[in-house]
Structures are given as C-alpha cells and as structure tokens.
Amino acid sequence: MSKLPVISGGEAIVALQRLGYVAVRQKGSHIRLRHPSDAKRQPITVPDHRTLKPGLLRAIIRDAGLTVDEFADLLS
C-alpha cells in the first residue's frame, strides 16, 4: 500500500474527472461530483482547498470505490 498523497481539492477533482465523474454543482468552495453513467457510484463532495486533510482524502477515495494506489495512478 502506498502512502497517501498530499494534494489540493482541485487535484482531487481532476483525478475523479479522469475516472468519469463530472461536476454538477458548487456551493461556496465545495464542489459536488456525480458519475453520469454509473448510478451505483455515489455522489462525492470535494472542498476546493489548498490541501486536503488525510482523513477527508481517505473518505473521498473510499466513496469513489478506489484504493489509495488506484487513486495515486489517476494523479499521474
């Protein structure tokens, strides 16, 4: 298992968009993403902050149904 990366909310959003998620709405700094073709994937809310705390990033990765390694592959 690889180490959890230190990334911003914008980088997390780009990685999830590579997975197929699209931004459907925004309220303040929080951006709501939804997967249009797979209804089984739950919507994900990502704050557009400079850095995401480790617990929040783990929750986002878990909600997307990914492992840390799979998510790290989306970043590169």
PDB file of N, CA and C in Angstrom:
ATOM      1  N   MET A   1       0.844  -1.176   0.000  1.00  0.00           N
ATOM      2  CA  MET A   1       0.000   0.000   0.000  1.00  0.00           C
ATOM      3  C   MET A   1       0.884   1.233   0.000  1.00  0.00           C
ATOM      4  N   SER A   2       0.601   2.145  -0.880  1.00  0.00           N
ATOM      5  CA  SER A   2       1.413   3.345  -0.974  1.00  0.00           C
ATOM      6  C   SER A   2       0.935   4.392   0.021  1.00  0.00           C
ATOM      7  N   LYS A   3       1.772   5.373   0.228  1.00  0.00           N
ATOM      8  CA  LYS A   3       1.473   6.446   1.155  1.00  0.00           C
ATOM      9  C   LYS A   3       0.423   7.365   0.553  1.00  0.00           C
ATOM     10  N   LEU A   4      -0.420   7.909   1.389  1.00  0.00           N
ATOM     11  CA  LEU A   4      -1.470   8.815   0.954  1.00  0.00           C
ATOM     12  C   LEU A   4      -0.835  10.113   0.447  1.00  0.00           C
ATOM     13  N   PRO A   5      -1.165  10.548  -0.766  1.00  0.00           N
ATOM     14  CA  PRO A   5      -0.546  11.758  -1.304  1.00  0.00           C
ATOM     15  C   PRO A   5      -1.101  13.016  -0.628  1.00  0.00           C
ATOM     16  N   VAL A   6      -0.320  14.081  -0.621  1.00  0.00           N
ATOM     17  CA  VAL A   6      -0.771  15.384  -0.142  1.00  0.00           C
ATOM     18  C   VAL A   6      -1.141  16.190  -1.375  1.00  0.00           C
ATOM     19  N   ILE A   7      -2.444  16.418  -1.548  1.00  0.00           N
ATOM     20  CA  ILE A   7      -2.924  17.096  -2.757  1.00  0.00           C
ATOM     21  C   ILE A   7      -3.953  18.150  -2.386  1.00  0.00           C
ATOM     22  N   SER A   8      -4.253  19.001  -3.345  1.00  0.00           N
ATOM     23  CA  SER A   8      -5.287  20.019  -3.164  1.00  0.00           C
ATOM     24  C   SER A   8      -6.641  19.449  -3.600  1.00  0.00           C
ATOM     25  N   GLY A   9      -7.683  20.192  -3.283  1.00  0.00           N
ATOM     26  CA  GLY A   9      -9.010  19.782  -3.711  1.00  0.00           C
ATOM     27  C   GLY A   9      -9.143  19.781  -5.225  1.00  0.00           C
ATOM     28  N   GLY A  10      -8.492  20.745  -5.877  1.00  0.00           N
ATOM     29  CA  GLY A  10      -8.541  20.811  -7.345  1.00  0.00           C
ATOM     30  C   GLY A  10      -7.901  19.604  -7.992  1.00  0.00           C
ATOM     31  N   GLU A  11      -6.778  19.147  -7.417  1.00  0.00           N
ATOM     32  CA  GLU A  11      -6.115  17.954  -7.953  1.00  0.00           C
ATOM     33  C   GLU A  11      -6.976  16.716  -7.753  1.00  0.00           C
ATOM     34  N   ALA A  12      -7.684  16.641  -6.625  1.00  0.00           N
ATOM     35  CA  ALA A  12      -8.586  15.508  -6.389  1.00  0.00           C
ATOM     36  C   ALA A  12      -9.734  15.518  -7.386  1.00  0.00           C
ATOM     37  N   ILE A  13     -10.248  16.700  -7.696  1.00  0.00           N
ATOM     38  CA  ILE A  13     -11.344  16.819  -8.657  1.00  0.00           C
ATOM     39  C   ILE A  13     -10.889  16.370 -10.042  1.00  0.00           C
ATOM     40  N   VAL A  14      -9.697  16.775 -10.453  1.00  0.00           N
ATOM     41  CA  VAL A  14      -9.167  16.371 -11.768  1.00  0.00           C
ATOM     42  C   VAL A  14      -9.008  14.855 -11.827  1.00  0.00           C
ATOM     43  N   ALA A  15      -8.511  14.258 -10.744  1.00  0.00           N
ATOM     44  CA  ALA A  15      -8.333  12.805 -10.711  1.00  0.00           C
ATOM     45  C   ALA A  15      -9.679  12.094 -10.819  1.00  0.00           C
ATOM     46  N   LEU A  16     -10.689  12.594 -10.125  1.00  0.00           N
ATOM     47  CA  LEU A  16     -12.017  11.972 -10.196  1.00  0.00           C
ATOM     48  C   LEU A  16     -12.662  12.180 -11.565  1.00  0.00           C
ATOM     49  N   GLN A  17     -12.362  13.299 -12.204  1.00  0.00           N
ATOM     50  CA  GLN A  17     -12.885  13.518 -13.554  1.00  0.00           C
ATOM     51  C   GLN A  17     -12.265  12.537 -14.538  1.00  0.00           C
ATOM     52  N   ARG A  18     -11.038  12.135 -14.324  1.00  0.00           N
ATOM     53  CA  ARG A  18     -10.417  11.109 -15.173  1.00  0.00           C
ATOM     54  C   ARG A  18     -11.127   9.776 -15.008  1.00  0.00           C
ATOM     55  N   LEU A  19     -11.745   9.577 -13.852  1.00  0.00           N
ATOM     56  CA  LEU A  19     -12.493   8.358 -13.574  1.00  0.00           C
ATOM     57  C   LEU A  19     -13.886   8.404 -14.194  1.00  0.00           C
ATOM     58  N   GLY A  20     -14.327   9.594 -14.621  1.00  0.00           N
ATOM     59  CA  GLY A  20     -15.636   9.718 -15.260  1.00  0.00           C
ATOM     60  C   GLY A  20     -16.602  10.616 -14.520  1.00  0.00           C
ATOM     61  N   TYR A  21     -16.233  11.103 -13.347  1.00  0.00           N
ATOM     62  CA  TYR A  21     -17.107  11.998 -12.590  1.00  0.00           C
ATOM     63  C   TYR A  21     -17.174  13.355 -13.269  1.00  0.00           C
ATOM     64  N   VAL A  22     -18.317  14.035 -13.121  1.00  0.00           N
ATOM     65  CA  VAL A  22     -18.478  15.386 -13.632  1.00  0.00           C
ATOM     66  C   VAL A  22     -19.019  16.268 -12.507  1.00  0.00           C
ATOM     67  N   ALA A  23     -18.636  17.534 -12.538  1.00  0.00           N
ATOM     68  CA  ALA A  23     -19.124  18.493 -11.545  1.00  0.00           C
ATOM     69  C   ALA A  23     -20.562  18.853 -11.891  1.00  0.00           C
ATOM     70  N   VAL A  24     -21.459  18.714 -10.928  1.00  0.00           N
ATOM     71  CA  VAL A  24     -22.864  19.019 -11.183  1.00  0.00           C
ATOM     72  C   VAL A  24     -23.303  20.303 -10.503  1.00  0.00           C
ATOM     73  N   ARG A  25     -22.648  20.673  -9.396  1.00  0.00           N
ATOM     74  CA  ARG A  25     -22.988  21.939  -8.754  1.00  0.00           C
ATOM     75  C   ARG A  25     -21.885  22.337  -7.788  1.00  0.00           C
ATOM     76  N   GLN A  26     -21.944  23.598  -7.353  1.00  0.00           N
ATOM     77  CA  GLN A  26     -20.969  24.113  -6.416  1.00  0.00           C
ATOM     78  C   GLN A  26     -21.658  25.069  -5.467  1.00  0.00           C
ATOM     79  N   LYS A  27     -21.331  24.949  -4.188  1.00  0.00           N
ATOM     80  CA  LYS A  27     -21.838  25.879  -3.187  1.00  0.00           C
ATOM     81  C   LYS A  27     -20.645  26.324  -2.363  1.00  0.00           C
ATOM     82  N   GLY A  28     -20.246  27.554  -2.541  1.00  0.00           N
ATOM     83  CA  GLY A  28     -19.042  28.041  -1.875  1.00  0.00           C
ATOM     84  C   GLY A  28     -17.828  27.360  -2.469  1.00  0.00           C
ATOM     85  N   SER A  29     -17.006  26.774  -1.597  1.00  0.00           N
ATOM     86  CA  SER A  29     -15.807  26.097  -2.092  1.00  0.00           C
ATOM     87  C   SER A  29     -16.023  24.597  -2.265  1.00  0.00           C
ATOM     88  N   HIS A  30     -17.227  24.112  -2.009  1.00  0.00           N
ATOM     89  CA  HIS A  30     -17.496  22.680  -2.102  1.00  0.00           C
ATOM     90  C   HIS A  30     -18.114  22.337  -3.452  1.00  0.00           C
ATOM     91  N   ILE A  31     -17.490  21.402  -4.145  1.00  0.00           N
ATOM     92  CA  ILE A  31     -17.912  21.006  -5.486  1.00  0.00           C
ATOM     93  C   ILE A  31     -18.489  19.601  -5.412  1.00  0.00           C
ATOM     94  N   ARG A  32     -19.681  19.434  -5.951  1.00  0.00           N
ATOM     95  CA  ARG A  32     -20.367  18.137  -5.933  1.00  0.00           C
ATOM     96  C   ARG A  32     -20.116  17.445  -7.268  1.00  0.00           C
ATOM     97  N   LEU A  33     -19.618  16.214  -7.215  1.00  0.00           N
ATOM     98  CA  LEU A  33     -19.329  15.422  -8.410  1.00  0.00           C
ATOM     99  C   LEU A  33     -20.270  14.231  -8.465  1.00  0.00           C
ATOM    100  N   ARG A  34     -20.661  13.873  -9.673  1.00  0.00           N
ATOM    101  CA  ARG A  34     -21.538  12.724  -9.871  1.00  0.00           C
ATOM    102  C   ARG A  34     -21.050  11.947 -11.090  1.00  0.00           C
ATOM    103  N   HIS A  35     -21.212  10.634 -11.057  1.00  0.00           N
ATOM    104  CA  HIS A  35     -20.841   9.802 -12.196  1.00  0.00           C
ATOM    105  C   HIS A  35     -22.091   9.624 -13.054  1.00  0.00           C
ATOM    106  N   PRO A  36     -22.088  10.151 -14.281  1.00  0.00           N
ATOM    107  CA  PRO A  36     -23.316  10.158 -15.082  1.00  0.00           C
ATOM    108  C   PRO A  36     -23.773   8.795 -15.591  1.00  0.00           C
ATOM    109  N   SER A  37     -22.844   7.883 -15.854  1.00  0.00           N
ATOM    110  CA  SER A  37     -23.257   6.623 -16.470  1.00  0.00           C
ATOM    111  C   SER A  37     -23.378   5.469 -15.480  1.00  0.00           C
ATOM    112  N   ASP A  38     -22.831   5.610 -14.279  1.00  0.00           N
ATOM    113  CA  ASP A  38     -22.873   4.525 -13.297  1.00  0.00           C
ATOM    114  C   ASP A  38     -23.634   5.000 -12.063  1.00  0.00           C
ATOM    115  N   ALA A  39     -24.893   4.611 -11.958  1.00  0.00           N
ATOM    116  CA  ALA A  39     -25.731   5.054 -10.848  1.00  0.00           C
ATOM    117  C   ALA A  39     -25.326   4.433  -9.521  1.00  0.00           C
ATOM    118  N   LYS A  40     -24.551   3.352  -9.542  1.00  0.00           N
ATOM    119  CA  LYS A  40     -24.105   2.712  -8.303  1.00  0.00           C
ATOM    120  C   LYS A  40     -23.077   3.561  -7.564  1.00  0.00           C
ATOM    121  N   ARG A  41     -22.344   4.380  -8.299  1.00  0.00           N
ATOM    122  CA  ARG A  41     -21.340   5.243  -7.666  1.00  0.00           C
ATOM    123  C   ARG A  41     -22.048   6.428  -7.017  1.00  0.00           C
ATOM    124  N   GLN A  42     -21.778   6.617  -5.737  1.00  0.00           N
ATOM    125  CA  GLN A  42     -22.444   7.696  -5.023  1.00  0.00           C
ATOM    126  C   GLN A  42     -21.820   9.048  -5.349  1.00  0.00           C
ATOM    127  N   PRO A  43     -22.595  10.122  -5.234  1.00  0.00           N
ATOM    128  CA  PRO A  43     -22.047  11.454  -5.460  1.00  0.00           C
ATOM    129  C   PRO A  43     -20.971  11.772  -4.423  1.00  0.00           C
ATOM    130  N   ILE A  44     -19.998  12.583  -4.810  1.00  0.00           N
ATOM    131  CA  ILE A  44     -18.881  12.921  -3.934  1.00  0.00           C
ATOM    132  C   ILE A  44     -18.768  14.431  -3.857  1.00  0.00           C
ATOM    133  N   THR A  45     -18.593  14.951  -2.644  1.00  0.00           N
ATOM    134  CA  THR A  45     -18.376  16.367  -2.431  1.00  0.00           C
ATOM    135  C   THR A  45     -16.910  16.582  -2.088  1.00  0.00           C
ATOM    136  N   VAL A  46     -16.262  17.478  -2.827  1.00  0.00           N
ATOM    137  CA  VAL A  46     -14.841  17.761  -2.618  1.00  0.00           C
ATOM    138  C   VAL A  46     -14.683  19.251  -2.356  1.00  0.00           C
ATOM    139  N   PRO A  47     -14.082  19.634  -1.205  1.00  0.00           N
ATOM    140  CA  PRO A  47     -13.817  21.053  -0.981  1.00  0.00           C
ATOM    141  C   PRO A  47     -12.618  21.494  -1.812  1.00  0.00           C
ATOM    142  N   ASP A  48     -12.708  22.661  -2.398  1.00  0.00           N
ATOM    143  CA  ASP A  48     -11.616  23.169  -3.229  1.00  0.00           C
ATOM    144  C   ASP A  48     -10.627  23.936  -2.338  1.00  0.00           C
ATOM    145  N   HIS A  49      -9.945  23.208  -1.468  1.00  0.00           N
ATOM    146  CA  HIS A  49      -8.980  23.791  -0.533  1.00  0.00           C
ATOM    147  C   HIS A  49      -7.558  23.561  -1.034  1.00  0.00           C
ATOM    148  N   ARG A  50      -6.606  24.288  -0.451  1.00  0.00           N
ATOM    149  CA  ARG A  50      -5.204  24.154  -0.863  1.00  0.00           C
ATOM    150  C   ARG A  50      -4.676  22.751  -0.607  1.00  0.00           C
ATOM    151  N   THR A  51      -4.965  22.204   0.554  1.00  0.00           N
ATOM    152  CA  THR A  51      -4.586  20.814   0.847  1.00  0.00           C
ATOM    153  C   THR A  51      -5.754  20.131   1.547  1.00  0.00           C
ATOM    154  N   LEU A  52      -5.929  18.866   1.236  1.00  0.00           N
ATOM    155  CA  LEU A  52      -6.970  18.067   1.880  1.00  0.00           C
ATOM    156  C   LEU A  52      -6.349  17.293   3.031  1.00  0.00           C
ATOM    157  N   LYS A  53      -7.032  17.266   4.160  1.00  0.00           N
ATOM    158  CA  LYS A  53      -6.527  16.519   5.308  1.00  0.00           C
ATOM    159  C   LYS A  53      -6.604  15.025   4.999  1.00  0.00           C
ATOM    160  N   PRO A  54      -5.726  14.248   5.610  1.00  0.00           N
ATOM    161  CA  PRO A  54      -5.662  12.809   5.283  1.00  0.00           C
ATOM    162  C   PRO A  54      -6.971  12.059   5.483  1.00  0.00           C
ATOM    163  N   GLY A  55      -7.688  12.340   6.554  1.00  0.00           N
ATOM    164  CA  GLY A  55      -8.943  11.637   6.798  1.00  0.00           C
ATOM    165  C   GLY A  55      -9.988  11.944   5.747  1.00  0.00           C
ATOM    166  N   LEU A  56     -10.057  13.197   5.333  1.00  0.00           N
ATOM    167  CA  LEU A  56     -11.008  13.595   4.299  1.00  0.00           C
ATOM    168  C   LEU A  56     -10.647  12.973   2.958  1.00  0.00           C
ATOM    169  N   LEU A  57      -9.355  12.967   2.632  1.00  0.00           N
ATOM    170  CA  LEU A  57      -8.932  12.374   1.364  1.00  0.00           C
ATOM    171  C   LEU A  57      -9.220  10.875   1.344  1.00  0.00           C
ATOM    172  N   ARG A  58      -8.988  10.201   2.461  1.00  0.00           N
ATOM    173  CA  ARG A  58      -9.319   8.768   2.536  1.00  0.00           C
ATOM    174  C   ARG A  58     -10.809   8.537   2.331  1.00  0.00           C
ATOM    175  N   ALA A  59     -11.631   9.390   2.914  1.00  0.00           N
ATOM    176  CA  ALA A  59     -13.087   9.251   2.759  1.00  0.00           C
ATOM    177  C   ALA A  59     -13.500   9.464   1.300  1.00  0.00           C
ATOM    178  N   ILE A  60     -12.896  10.432   0.636  1.00  0.00           N
ATOM    179  CA  ILE A  60     -13.200  10.689  -0.773  1.00  0.00           C
ATOM    180  C   ILE A  60     -12.800   9.490  -1.626  1.00  0.00           C
ATOM    181  N   ILE A  61     -11.617   8.949  -1.365  1.00  0.00           N
ATOM    182  CA  ILE A  61     -11.138   7.780  -2.115  1.00  0.00           C
ATOM    183  C   ILE A  61     -12.054   6.582  -1.874  1.00  0.00           C
ATOM    184  N   ARG A  62     -12.450   6.375  -0.628  1.00  0.00           N
ATOM    185  CA  ARG A  62     -13.331   5.254  -0.285  1.00  0.00           C
ATOM    186  C   ARG A  62     -14.700   5.422  -0.946  1.00  0.00           C
ATOM    187  N   ASP A  63     -15.245   6.652  -0.932  1.00  0.00           N
ATOM    188  CA  ASP A  63     -16.549   6.902  -1.558  1.00  0.00           C
ATOM    189  C   ASP A  63     -16.506   6.673  -3.068  1.00  0.00           C
ATOM    190  N   ALA A  64     -15.344   6.897  -3.668  1.00  0.00           N
ATOM    191  CA  ALA A  64     -15.193   6.659  -5.104  1.00  0.00           C
ATOM    192  C   ALA A  64     -15.007   5.173  -5.410  1.00  0.00           C
ATOM    193  N   GLY A  65     -14.826   4.349  -4.385  1.00  0.00           N
ATOM    194  CA  GLY A  65     -14.656   2.913  -4.592  1.00  0.00           C
ATOM    195  C   GLY A  65     -13.260   2.547  -5.057  1.00  0.00           C
ATOM    196  N   LEU A  66     -12.267   3.327  -4.654  1.00  0.00           N
ATOM    197  CA  LEU A  66     -10.890   3.108  -5.083  1.00  0.00           C
ATOM    198  C   LEU A  66     -10.000   2.760  -3.901  1.00  0.00           C
ATOM    199  N   THR A  67      -8.824   2.252  -4.215  1.00  0.00           N
ATOM    200  CA  THR A  67      -7.774   2.105  -3.217  1.00  0.00           C
ATOM    201  C   THR A  67      -6.848   3.309  -3.350  1.00  0.00           C
ATOM    202  N   VAL A  68      -5.971   3.482  -2.377  1.00  0.00           N
ATOM    203  CA  VAL A  68      -5.021   4.592  -2.424  1.00  0.00           C
ATOM    204  C   VAL A  68      -4.114   4.458  -3.643  1.00  0.00           C
ATOM    205  N   ASP A  69      -3.699   3.231  -3.965  1.00  0.00           N
ATOM    206  CA  ASP A  69      -2.833   3.018  -5.131  1.00  0.00           C
ATOM    207  C   ASP A  69      -3.550   3.375  -6.428  1.00  0.00           C
ATOM    208  N   GLU A  70      -4.821   2.979  -6.550  1.00  0.00           N
ATOM    209  CA  GLU A  70      -5.588   3.295  -7.762  1.00  0.00           C
ATOM    210  C   GLU A  70      -5.776   4.799  -7.893  1.00  0.00           C
ATOM    211  N   PHE A  71      -6.014   5.479  -6.777  1.00  0.00           N
ATOM    212  CA  PHE A  71      -6.186   6.927  -6.810  1.00  0.00           C
ATOM    213  C   PHE A  71      -4.874   7.614  -7.184  1.00  0.00           C
ATOM    214  N   ALA A  72      -3.771   7.124  -6.641  1.00  0.00           N
ATOM    215  CA  ALA A  72      -2.453   7.697  -6.962  1.00  0.00           C
ATOM    216  C   ALA A  72      -2.143   7.552  -8.454  1.00  0.00           C
ATOM    217  N   ASP A  73      -2.574   6.463  -9.062  1.00  0.00           N
ATOM    218  CA  ASP A  73      -2.376   6.276 -10.507  1.00  0.00           C
ATOM    219  C   ASP A  73      -3.141   7.317 -11.316  1.00  0.00           C
ATOM    220  N   LEU A  74      -4.292   7.754 -10.816  1.00  0.00           N
ATOM    221  CA  LEU A  74      -5.083   8.777 -11.511  1.00  0.00           C
ATOM    222  C   LEU A  74      -4.410  10.140 -11.451  1.00  0.00           C
ATOM    223  N   LEU A  75      -3.563  10.363 -10.463  1.00  0.00           N
ATOM    224  CA  LEU A  75      -2.895  11.654 -10.296  1.00  0.00           C
ATOM    225  C   LEU A  75      -1.786  11.861 -11.301  1.00  0.00           C
ATOM    226  N   SER A  76      -1.173  10.788 -11.769  1.00  0.00           N
ATOM    227  CA  SER A  76      -0.029  10.947 -12.691  1.00  0.00           C
ATOM    228  C   SER A  76      -0.448  10.895 -14.132  1.00  0.00           C
TER     229      SER A  76
END
